[in-house]
Amino acid sequence: MNINVIEIVILIILIPFALAWMSLAPWVPTRKKDYIRWLKLVEFKKWDNFYEIWSWDWRVTFYAGKNHDINARWIEICYPIYLYAKIKNIIQKNRNISFENADLFKYDFSDADVIYLYWMPDKNPKLIDKFRKELKKWTKIISYTFEIKWLEPIEISKPTENDLPIYLYEF
């Protein structure tokens, strides 16, 4: 069997994408028009700790970090996406935005003030115990498109039938 370099590179790139996709949700970017909508749901305080976790869409972190004086962190398990976002952040020189390639089940979110999620509903229960142990009272959770069954939303933004829902929760 003769495997060439291109096939190996493709496998090295595709395997992390497949593993990440199977973990919580497929890659569907947040619509640009929804950035402002979800940010209106959250009233950031200066230097709040904002996390976007395993959303595949670092643009939300960039947008929040550029428009607010917060500590914006993007946590991603898919290494190729993480590497691309990290390089882009270095080029743009955003000091209050950071990126980490990490398994969120091993990551400590105890300092989180706001968490942004994009997960399929059947995957949400995986983090119930972790969030219950780590998140402080009043931590806000934004869920793009999908409802989190084990929390009661304090607000749902869906201005028109064509808009995707954005759920705001408070832990």
C-alpha atoms as a PDB file:
ATOM      1  CA  MET A   1       0.000   0.000   0.000  1.00  0.00           C
ATOM      2  CA  ASN A   2       1.423   3.333  -1.048  1.00  0.00           C
ATOM      3  CA  ILE A   3       0.103   6.337   0.929  1.00  0.00           C
ATOM      4  CA  ASN A   4       1.308   9.678  -0.296  1.00  0.00           C
ATOM      5  CA  VAL A   5       1.968  12.829   1.682  1.00  0.00           C
ATOM      6  CA  ILE A   6      -1.214  14.576   0.522  1.00  0.00           C
ATOM      7  CA  GLU A   7      -3.372  11.737   1.875  1.00  0.00           C
ATOM      8  CA  ILE A   8      -1.604  11.908   5.234  1.00  0.00           C
ATOM      9  CA  VAL A   9      -2.065  15.686   5.427  1.00  0.00           C
ATOM     10  CA  ILE A  10      -5.751  15.341   4.560  1.00  0.00           C
ATOM     11  CA  LEU A  11      -6.203  12.726   7.304  1.00  0.00           C
ATOM     12  CA  ILE A  12      -4.361  14.885   9.834  1.00  0.00           C
ATOM     13  CA  ILE A  13      -6.722  17.755   9.038  1.00  0.00           C
ATOM     14  CA  LEU A  14      -9.973  15.767   8.715  1.00  0.00           C
ATOM     15  CA  ILE A  15      -9.666  13.616  11.839  1.00  0.00           C
ATOM     16  CA  PRO A  16      -9.779  16.586  14.274  1.00  0.00           C
ATOM     17  CA  PHE A  17     -12.774  18.025  12.376  1.00  0.00           C
ATOM     18  CA  ALA A  18     -14.613  14.704  12.582  1.00  0.00           C
ATOM     19  CA  LEU A  19     -13.914  14.264  16.294  1.00  0.00           C
ATOM     20  CA  ALA A  20     -14.975  17.829  17.079  1.00  0.00           C
ATOM     21  CA  TRP A  21     -18.136  17.485  14.996  1.00  0.00           C
ATOM     22  CA  MET A  22     -19.150  14.278  16.763  1.00  0.00           C
ATOM     23  CA  SER A  23     -18.630  15.856  20.176  1.00  0.00           C
ATOM     24  CA  LEU A  24     -21.205  18.681  20.302  1.00  0.00           C
ATOM     25  CA  ALA A  25     -22.345  20.234  17.026  1.00  0.00           C
ATOM     26  CA  PRO A  26     -21.537  20.586  13.339  1.00  0.00           C
ATOM     27  CA  TRP A  27     -19.923  23.773  12.102  1.00  0.00           C
ATOM     28  CA  VAL A  28     -22.538  26.403  11.333  1.00  0.00           C
ATOM     29  CA  PRO A  29     -21.248  29.964  11.711  1.00  0.00           C
ATOM     30  CA  THR A  30     -23.186  32.532  13.698  1.00  0.00           C
ATOM     31  CA  ARG A  31     -24.897  34.898  11.299  1.00  0.00           C
ATOM     32  CA  LYS A  32     -23.260  38.335  11.288  1.00  0.00           C
ATOM     33  CA  LYS A  33     -26.586  40.062  11.914  1.00  0.00           C
ATOM     34  CA  ASP A  34     -26.960  37.981  15.085  1.00  0.00           C
ATOM     35  CA  TYR A  35     -23.757  39.289  16.726  1.00  0.00           C
ATOM     36  CA  ILE A  36     -25.434  42.528  17.734  1.00  0.00           C
ATOM     37  CA  ARG A  37     -28.604  40.719  18.758  1.00  0.00           C
ATOM     38  CA  TRP A  38     -26.897  38.373  21.196  1.00  0.00           C
ATOM     39  CA  LEU A  39     -24.646  41.119  22.553  1.00  0.00           C
ATOM     40  CA  LYS A  40     -27.758  43.141  23.415  1.00  0.00           C
ATOM     41  CA  LEU A  41     -28.873  40.263  25.636  1.00  0.00           C
ATOM     42  CA  VAL A  42     -25.701  40.533  27.712  1.00  0.00           C
ATOM     43  CA  GLU A  43     -24.689  43.644  29.571  1.00  0.00           C
ATOM     44  CA  PHE A  44     -20.948  43.175  29.921  1.00  0.00           C
ATOM     45  CA  LYS A  45     -19.195  44.740  32.868  1.00  0.00           C
ATOM     46  CA  LYS A  46     -15.652  45.950  32.363  1.00  0.00           C
ATOM     47  CA  TRP A  47     -13.240  42.988  32.224  1.00  0.00           C
ATOM     48  CA  ASP A  48     -15.908  40.305  32.465  1.00  0.00           C
ATOM     49  CA  ASN A  49     -14.604  36.854  31.572  1.00  0.00           C
ATOM     50  CA  PHE A  50     -16.289  35.761  28.347  1.00  0.00           C
ATOM     51  CA  TYR A  51     -15.905  32.224  26.966  1.00  0.00           C
ATOM     52  CA  GLU A  52     -16.976  30.883  23.622  1.00  0.00           C
ATOM     53  CA  ILE A  53     -16.638  27.136  23.899  1.00  0.00           C
ATOM     54  CA  TRP A  54     -16.427  24.619  21.098  1.00  0.00           C
ATOM     55  CA  SER A  55     -18.517  26.758  18.775  1.00  0.00           C
ATOM     56  CA  TRP A  56     -16.120  26.520  15.808  1.00  0.00           C
ATOM     57  CA  ASP A  57     -16.871  30.192  15.128  1.00  0.00           C
ATOM     58  CA  TRP A  58     -14.142  32.397  16.579  1.00  0.00           C
ATOM     59  CA  ARG A  59     -15.748  35.453  14.943  1.00  0.00           C
ATOM     60  CA  VAL A  60     -18.105  35.763  17.939  1.00  0.00           C
ATOM     61  CA  THR A  61     -15.100  36.011  20.268  1.00  0.00           C
ATOM     62  CA  PHE A  62     -13.391  38.539  17.983  1.00  0.00           C
ATOM     63  CA  TYR A  63     -16.532  40.658  17.792  1.00  0.00           C
ATOM     64  CA  ALA A  64     -17.179  40.629  21.541  1.00  0.00           C
ATOM     65  CA  GLY A  65     -13.522  41.295  22.386  1.00  0.00           C
ATOM     66  CA  LYS A  66     -13.172  44.147  19.912  1.00  0.00           C
ATOM     67  CA  ASN A  67     -16.358  45.897  21.003  1.00  0.00           C
ATOM     68  CA  HIS A  68     -16.119  45.485  24.786  1.00  0.00           C
ATOM     69  CA  ASP A  69     -13.454  45.776  27.463  1.00  0.00           C
ATOM     70  CA  ILE A  70     -13.651  42.119  28.430  1.00  0.00           C
ATOM     71  CA  ASN A  71     -11.380  39.109  28.668  1.00  0.00           C
ATOM     72  CA  ALA A  72     -12.589  37.145  25.648  1.00  0.00           C
ATOM     73  CA  ARG A  73     -11.522  33.509  25.414  1.00  0.00           C
ATOM     74  CA  TRP A  74     -12.262  30.970  22.731  1.00  0.00           C
ATOM     75  CA  ILE A  75     -11.860  27.306  23.691  1.00  0.00           C
ATOM     76  CA  GLU A  76     -11.718  24.843  20.781  1.00  0.00           C
ATOM     77  CA  ILE A  77     -10.739  21.184  20.508  1.00  0.00           C
ATOM     78  CA  CYS A  78     -10.309  21.118  16.710  1.00  0.00           C
ATOM     79  CA  TYR A  79      -6.642  21.987  16.230  1.00  0.00           C
ATOM     80  CA  PRO A  80      -6.728  23.255  12.595  1.00  0.00           C
ATOM     81  CA  ILE A  81      -9.504  25.755  13.400  1.00  0.00           C
ATOM     82  CA  TYR A  82      -7.758  26.775  16.616  1.00  0.00           C
ATOM     83  CA  LEU A  83      -4.465  27.340  14.789  1.00  0.00           C
ATOM     84  CA  TYR A  84      -6.097  29.480  12.109  1.00  0.00           C
ATOM     85  CA  ALA A  85      -7.870  31.670  14.709  1.00  0.00           C
ATOM     86  CA  LYS A  86      -4.707  31.982  16.795  1.00  0.00           C
ATOM     87  CA  ILE A  87      -2.669  33.189  13.787  1.00  0.00           C
ATOM     88  CA  LYS A  88      -5.426  35.626  12.821  1.00  0.00           C
ATOM     89  CA  ASN A  89      -5.463  37.015  16.375  1.00  0.00           C
ATOM     90  CA  ILE A  90      -1.671  37.482  16.386  1.00  0.00           C
ATOM     91  CA  ILE A  91      -1.871  39.389  13.096  1.00  0.00           C
ATOM     92  CA  GLN A  92      -4.691  41.595  14.384  1.00  0.00           C
ATOM     93  CA  LYS A  93      -2.922  42.148  17.742  1.00  0.00           C
ATOM     94  CA  ASN A  94      -5.981  41.775  19.965  1.00  0.00           C
ATOM     95  CA  ARG A  95      -4.643  41.851  23.508  1.00  0.00           C
ATOM     96  CA  ASN A  96      -7.870  41.034  25.341  1.00  0.00           C
ATOM     97  CA  ILE A  97      -8.695  38.024  23.150  1.00  0.00           C
ATOM     98  CA  SER A  98      -7.104  34.634  23.705  1.00  0.00           C
ATOM     99  CA  PHE A  99      -7.482  31.215  22.129  1.00  0.00           C
ATOM    100  CA  GLU A 100      -6.907  27.807  23.653  1.00  0.00           C
ATOM    101  CA  ASN A 101      -6.892  24.350  22.151  1.00  0.00           C
ATOM    102  CA  ALA A 102      -8.428  22.423  25.026  1.00  0.00           C
ATOM    103  CA  ASP A 103     -10.900  19.777  26.072  1.00  0.00           C
ATOM    104  CA  LEU A 104     -13.674  21.734  27.770  1.00  0.00           C
ATOM    105  CA  PHE A 105     -14.367  18.831  30.127  1.00  0.00           C
ATOM    106  CA  LYS A 106     -10.892  19.381  31.603  1.00  0.00           C
ATOM    107  CA  TYR A 107     -11.042  23.183  31.496  1.00  0.00           C
ATOM    108  CA  ASP A 108     -11.888  25.296  34.568  1.00  0.00           C
ATOM    109  CA  PHE A 109     -14.748  27.754  33.947  1.00  0.00           C
ATOM    110  CA  SER A 110     -15.110  28.931  37.544  1.00  0.00           C
ATOM    111  CA  ASP A 111     -14.186  32.536  36.624  1.00  0.00           C
ATOM    112  CA  ALA A 112     -16.712  32.741  33.737  1.00  0.00           C
ATOM    113  CA  ASP A 113     -19.159  35.632  33.700  1.00  0.00           C
ATOM    114  CA  VAL A 114     -20.622  34.887  30.252  1.00  0.00           C
ATOM    115  CA  ILE A 115     -20.457  31.677  28.192  1.00  0.00           C
ATOM    116  CA  TYR A 116     -21.480  31.428  24.523  1.00  0.00           C
ATOM    117  CA  LEU A 117     -22.538  28.016  23.190  1.00  0.00           C
ATOM    118  CA  TYR A 118     -23.631  26.453  19.946  1.00  0.00           C
ATOM    119  CA  TRP A 119     -24.524  22.843  20.732  1.00  0.00           C
ATOM    120  CA  MET A 120     -27.053  20.321  19.627  1.00  0.00           C
ATOM    121  CA  PRO A 121     -29.691  19.701  22.326  1.00  0.00           C
ATOM    122  CA  ASP A 122     -28.851  16.051  22.938  1.00  0.00           C
ATOM    123  CA  LYS A 123     -25.247  17.028  23.738  1.00  0.00           C
ATOM    124  CA  ASN A 124     -26.078  19.609  26.432  1.00  0.00           C
ATOM    125  CA  PRO A 125     -26.456  17.164  29.354  1.00  0.00           C
ATOM    126  CA  LYS A 126     -22.752  16.283  29.148  1.00  0.00           C
ATOM    127  CA  LEU A 127     -21.887  19.536  30.895  1.00  0.00           C
ATOM    128  CA  ILE A 128     -24.624  19.713  33.543  1.00  0.00           C
ATOM    129  CA  ASP A 129     -22.459  18.389  36.376  1.00  0.00           C
ATOM    130  CA  LYS A 130     -19.418  20.383  35.285  1.00  0.00           C
ATOM    131  CA  PHE A 131     -21.356  23.649  35.143  1.00  0.00           C
ATOM    132  CA  ARG A 132     -23.107  22.925  38.447  1.00  0.00           C
ATOM    133  CA  LYS A 133     -19.746  22.393  40.144  1.00  0.00           C
ATOM    134  CA  GLU A 134     -17.836  25.248  38.538  1.00  0.00           C
ATOM    135  CA  LEU A 135     -20.068  28.117  37.503  1.00  0.00           C
ATOM    136  CA  LYS A 136     -20.726  30.873  39.994  1.00  0.00           C
ATOM    137  CA  LYS A 137     -24.199  32.169  40.621  1.00  0.00           C
ATOM    138  CA  TRP A 138     -25.424  34.646  37.965  1.00  0.00           C
ATOM    139  CA  THR A 139     -23.121  33.353  35.219  1.00  0.00           C
ATOM    140  CA  LYS A 140     -24.889  34.108  31.946  1.00  0.00           C
ATOM    141  CA  ILE A 141     -25.097  31.480  29.230  1.00  0.00           C
ATOM    142  CA  ILE A 142     -25.969  32.387  25.647  1.00  0.00           C
ATOM    143  CA  SER A 143     -27.099  29.472  23.499  1.00  0.00           C
ATOM    144  CA  TYR A 144     -27.303  30.142  19.781  1.00  0.00           C
ATOM    145  CA  THR A 145     -30.124  28.232  18.058  1.00  0.00           C
ATOM    146  CA  PHE A 146     -30.534  25.416  20.593  1.00  0.00           C
ATOM    147  CA  GLU A 147     -32.436  25.377  23.875  1.00  0.00           C
ATOM    148  CA  ILE A 148     -30.712  24.021  26.984  1.00  0.00           C
ATOM    149  CA  LYS A 149     -33.329  21.716  28.486  1.00  0.00           C
ATOM    150  CA  TRP A 150     -32.013  21.755  32.040  1.00  0.00           C
ATOM    151  CA  LEU A 151     -32.132  25.556  32.380  1.00  0.00           C
ATOM    152  CA  GLU A 152     -35.015  28.016  32.211  1.00  0.00           C
ATOM    153  CA  PRO A 153     -34.330  30.848  29.738  1.00  0.00           C
ATOM    154  CA  ILE A 154     -34.658  34.370  31.116  1.00  0.00           C
ATOM    155  CA  GLU A 155     -34.971  35.737  27.593  1.00  0.00           C
ATOM    156  CA  ILE A 156     -35.392  34.367  24.073  1.00  0.00           C
ATOM    157  CA  SER A 157     -34.538  36.590  21.118  1.00  0.00           C
ATOM    158  CA  LYS A 158     -36.332  35.644  17.905  1.00  0.00           C
ATOM    159  CA  PRO A 159     -37.588  38.860  16.300  1.00  0.00           C
ATOM    160  CA  THR A 160     -38.919  37.220  13.120  1.00  0.00           C
ATOM    161  CA  GLU A 161     -39.835  33.753  11.911  1.00  0.00           C
ATOM    162  CA  ASN A 162     -36.665  33.690   9.765  1.00  0.00           C
ATOM    163  CA  ASP A 163     -34.337  34.484  12.679  1.00  0.00           C
ATOM    164  CA  LEU A 164     -32.659  31.731  14.644  1.00  0.00           C
ATOM    165  CA  PRO A 165     -33.487  31.836  18.349  1.00  0.00           C
ATOM    166  CA  ILE A 166     -30.903  33.051  20.824  1.00  0.00           C
ATOM    167  CA  TYR A 167     -31.456  31.924  24.404  1.00  0.00           C
ATOM    168  CA  LEU A 168     -30.194  33.759  27.479  1.00  0.00           C
ATOM    169  CA  TYR A 169     -29.846  31.804  30.700  1.00  0.00           C
ATOM    170  CA  GLU A 170     -28.569  32.744  34.128  1.00  0.00           C
ATOM    171  CA  PHE A 171     -27.007  30.017  36.178  1.00  0.00           C
END
